[in-house]
């Protein structure tokens, strides 16, 4: 890893913080994921872009299963 210093405006910092909270990762990891996603470029189809992002997120079966359970529980709670 290399340390780097960047100056970001307040709205951008807020968006980075929001992503980090949503993904439950550090600010640095949120920035890495955002840059990785942006660097995929417009020439890739959606499925290839999704697969590339998923591989960079180092998803494990355990993490995917936990996420699936969480989403199902949230859906159950919000049903009328």
C-alpha atoms as a PDB file:
ATOM      1  CA  UNK A   1       0.000   0.000   0.000  1.00  0.00           C
ATOM      2  CA  UNK A   2       1.067   3.560  -0.632  1.00  0.00           C
ATOM      3  CA  UNK A   3      -0.102   6.556   1.339  1.00  0.00           C
ATOM      4  CA  UNK A   4      -1.422   9.504  -0.638  1.00  0.00           C
ATOM      5  CA  UNK A   5      -2.949  12.835   0.272  1.00  0.00           C
ATOM      6  CA  UNK A   6      -5.828  14.344  -1.692  1.00  0.00           C
ATOM      7  CA  UNK A   7      -7.964  17.386  -1.145  1.00  0.00           C
ATOM      8  CA  UNK A   8     -11.688  16.730  -1.501  1.00  0.00           C
ATOM      9  CA  UNK A   9     -14.580  19.143  -1.174  1.00  0.00           C
ATOM     10  CA  UNK A  10     -17.067  18.645   1.671  1.00  0.00           C
ATOM     11  CA  UNK A  11     -19.825  17.043  -0.467  1.00  0.00           C
ATOM     12  CA  UNK A  12     -17.353  14.473  -1.827  1.00  0.00           C
ATOM     13  CA  UNK A  13     -16.140  13.615   1.679  1.00  0.00           C
ATOM     14  CA  UNK A  14     -19.763  13.166   2.747  1.00  0.00           C
ATOM     15  CA  UNK A  15     -20.364  10.806  -0.176  1.00  0.00           C
ATOM     16  CA  UNK A  16     -17.219   8.809   0.665  1.00  0.00           C
ATOM     17  CA  UNK A  17     -18.330   8.583   4.297  1.00  0.00           C
ATOM     18  CA  UNK A  18     -21.805   7.483   3.211  1.00  0.00           C
ATOM     19  CA  UNK A  19     -20.374   4.743   0.989  1.00  0.00           C
ATOM     20  CA  UNK A  20     -18.029   3.588   3.743  1.00  0.00           C
ATOM     21  CA  UNK A  21     -20.933   3.292   6.204  1.00  0.00           C
ATOM     22  CA  UNK A  22     -23.156   1.518   3.676  1.00  0.00           C
ATOM     23  CA  UNK A  23     -20.416  -0.955   2.767  1.00  0.00           C
ATOM     24  CA  UNK A  24     -19.157  -1.197   6.380  1.00  0.00           C
ATOM     25  CA  UNK A  25     -15.591  -0.486   5.318  1.00  0.00           C
ATOM     26  CA  UNK A  26     -13.005   2.222   5.941  1.00  0.00           C
ATOM     27  CA  UNK A  27     -12.943   5.470   3.977  1.00  0.00           C
ATOM     28  CA  UNK A  28      -9.837   4.241   2.166  1.00  0.00           C
ATOM     29  CA  UNK A  29     -11.564   1.030   1.090  1.00  0.00           C
ATOM     30  CA  UNK A  30     -14.609   2.986  -0.077  1.00  0.00           C
ATOM     31  CA  UNK A  31     -12.364   5.186  -2.228  1.00  0.00           C
ATOM     32  CA  UNK A  32     -10.524   2.112  -3.606  1.00  0.00           C
ATOM     33  CA  UNK A  33     -13.836   0.460  -4.565  1.00  0.00           C
ATOM     34  CA  UNK A  34     -15.183   3.639  -6.145  1.00  0.00           C
ATOM     35  CA  UNK A  35     -12.020   4.141  -8.192  1.00  0.00           C
ATOM     36  CA  UNK A  36     -11.999   0.473  -9.218  1.00  0.00           C
ATOM     37  CA  UNK A  37     -15.606   0.716 -10.345  1.00  0.00           C
ATOM     38  CA  UNK A  38     -15.019   3.960 -12.233  1.00  0.00           C
ATOM     39  CA  UNK A  39     -11.923   2.552 -13.940  1.00  0.00           C
ATOM     40  CA  UNK A  40     -13.900  -0.305 -15.483  1.00  0.00           C
ATOM     41  CA  UNK A  41     -14.760   2.112 -18.258  1.00  0.00           C
ATOM     42  CA  UNK A  42     -17.642   2.466 -20.677  1.00  0.00           C
ATOM     43  CA  UNK A  43     -16.515  -0.316 -23.020  1.00  0.00           C
ATOM     44  CA  UNK A  44     -17.512  -3.126 -20.687  1.00  0.00           C
ATOM     45  CA  UNK A  45     -20.950  -4.611 -20.612  1.00  0.00           C
ATOM     46  CA  UNK A  46     -22.880  -4.564 -17.342  1.00  0.00           C
ATOM     47  CA  UNK A  47     -22.352  -8.208 -16.445  1.00  0.00           C
ATOM     48  CA  UNK A  48     -18.593  -7.992 -16.964  1.00  0.00           C
ATOM     49  CA  UNK A  49     -18.495  -4.840 -14.855  1.00  0.00           C
ATOM     50  CA  UNK A  50     -20.442  -6.569 -12.068  1.00  0.00           C
ATOM     51  CA  UNK A  51     -18.140  -9.594 -12.111  1.00  0.00           C
ATOM     52  CA  UNK A  52     -15.056  -7.371 -12.013  1.00  0.00           C
ATOM     53  CA  UNK A  53     -16.425  -5.428  -9.060  1.00  0.00           C
ATOM     54  CA  UNK A  54     -17.403  -8.592  -7.199  1.00  0.00           C
ATOM     55  CA  UNK A  55     -13.950 -10.090  -7.667  1.00  0.00           C
ATOM     56  CA  UNK A  56     -12.326  -6.942  -6.274  1.00  0.00           C
ATOM     57  CA  UNK A  57     -14.656  -7.022  -3.260  1.00  0.00           C
ATOM     58  CA  UNK A  58     -13.284 -10.461  -2.303  1.00  0.00           C
ATOM     59  CA  UNK A  59     -16.741 -11.833  -1.655  1.00  0.00           C
ATOM     60  CA  UNK A  60     -16.850 -15.117   0.186  1.00  0.00           C
ATOM     61  CA  UNK A  61     -19.800 -17.477   0.401  1.00  0.00           C
ATOM     62  CA  UNK A  62     -20.130 -16.610   4.083  1.00  0.00           C
ATOM     63  CA  UNK A  63     -20.333 -12.861   3.365  1.00  0.00           C
ATOM     64  CA  UNK A  64     -22.800 -13.361   0.509  1.00  0.00           C
ATOM     65  CA  UNK A  65     -24.997 -15.621   2.636  1.00  0.00           C
ATOM     66  CA  UNK A  66     -24.981 -13.087   5.489  1.00  0.00           C
ATOM     67  CA  UNK A  67     -25.924 -10.296   3.110  1.00  0.00           C
ATOM     68  CA  UNK A  68     -28.727 -12.407   1.610  1.00  0.00           C
ATOM     69  CA  UNK A  69     -30.148 -13.141   5.077  1.00  0.00           C
ATOM     70  CA  UNK A  70     -29.959  -9.455   5.997  1.00  0.00           C
ATOM     71  CA  UNK A  71     -31.797  -8.361   2.841  1.00  0.00           C
ATOM     72  CA  UNK A  72     -34.508 -11.004   3.275  1.00  0.00           C
ATOM     73  CA  UNK A  73     -35.029  -9.920   6.888  1.00  0.00           C
ATOM     74  CA  UNK A  74     -35.276  -6.260   5.863  1.00  0.00           C
ATOM     75  CA  UNK A  75     -37.852  -7.138   3.201  1.00  0.00           C
ATOM     76  CA  UNK A  76     -39.902  -9.122   5.728  1.00  0.00           C
ATOM     77  CA  UNK A  77     -39.891  -6.174   8.154  1.00  0.00           C
ATOM     78  CA  UNK A  78     -41.082  -3.731   5.497  1.00  0.00           C
ATOM     79  CA  UNK A  79     -43.939  -5.826   4.114  1.00  0.00           C
ATOM     80  CA  UNK A  80     -47.389  -4.348   4.861  1.00  0.00           C
END
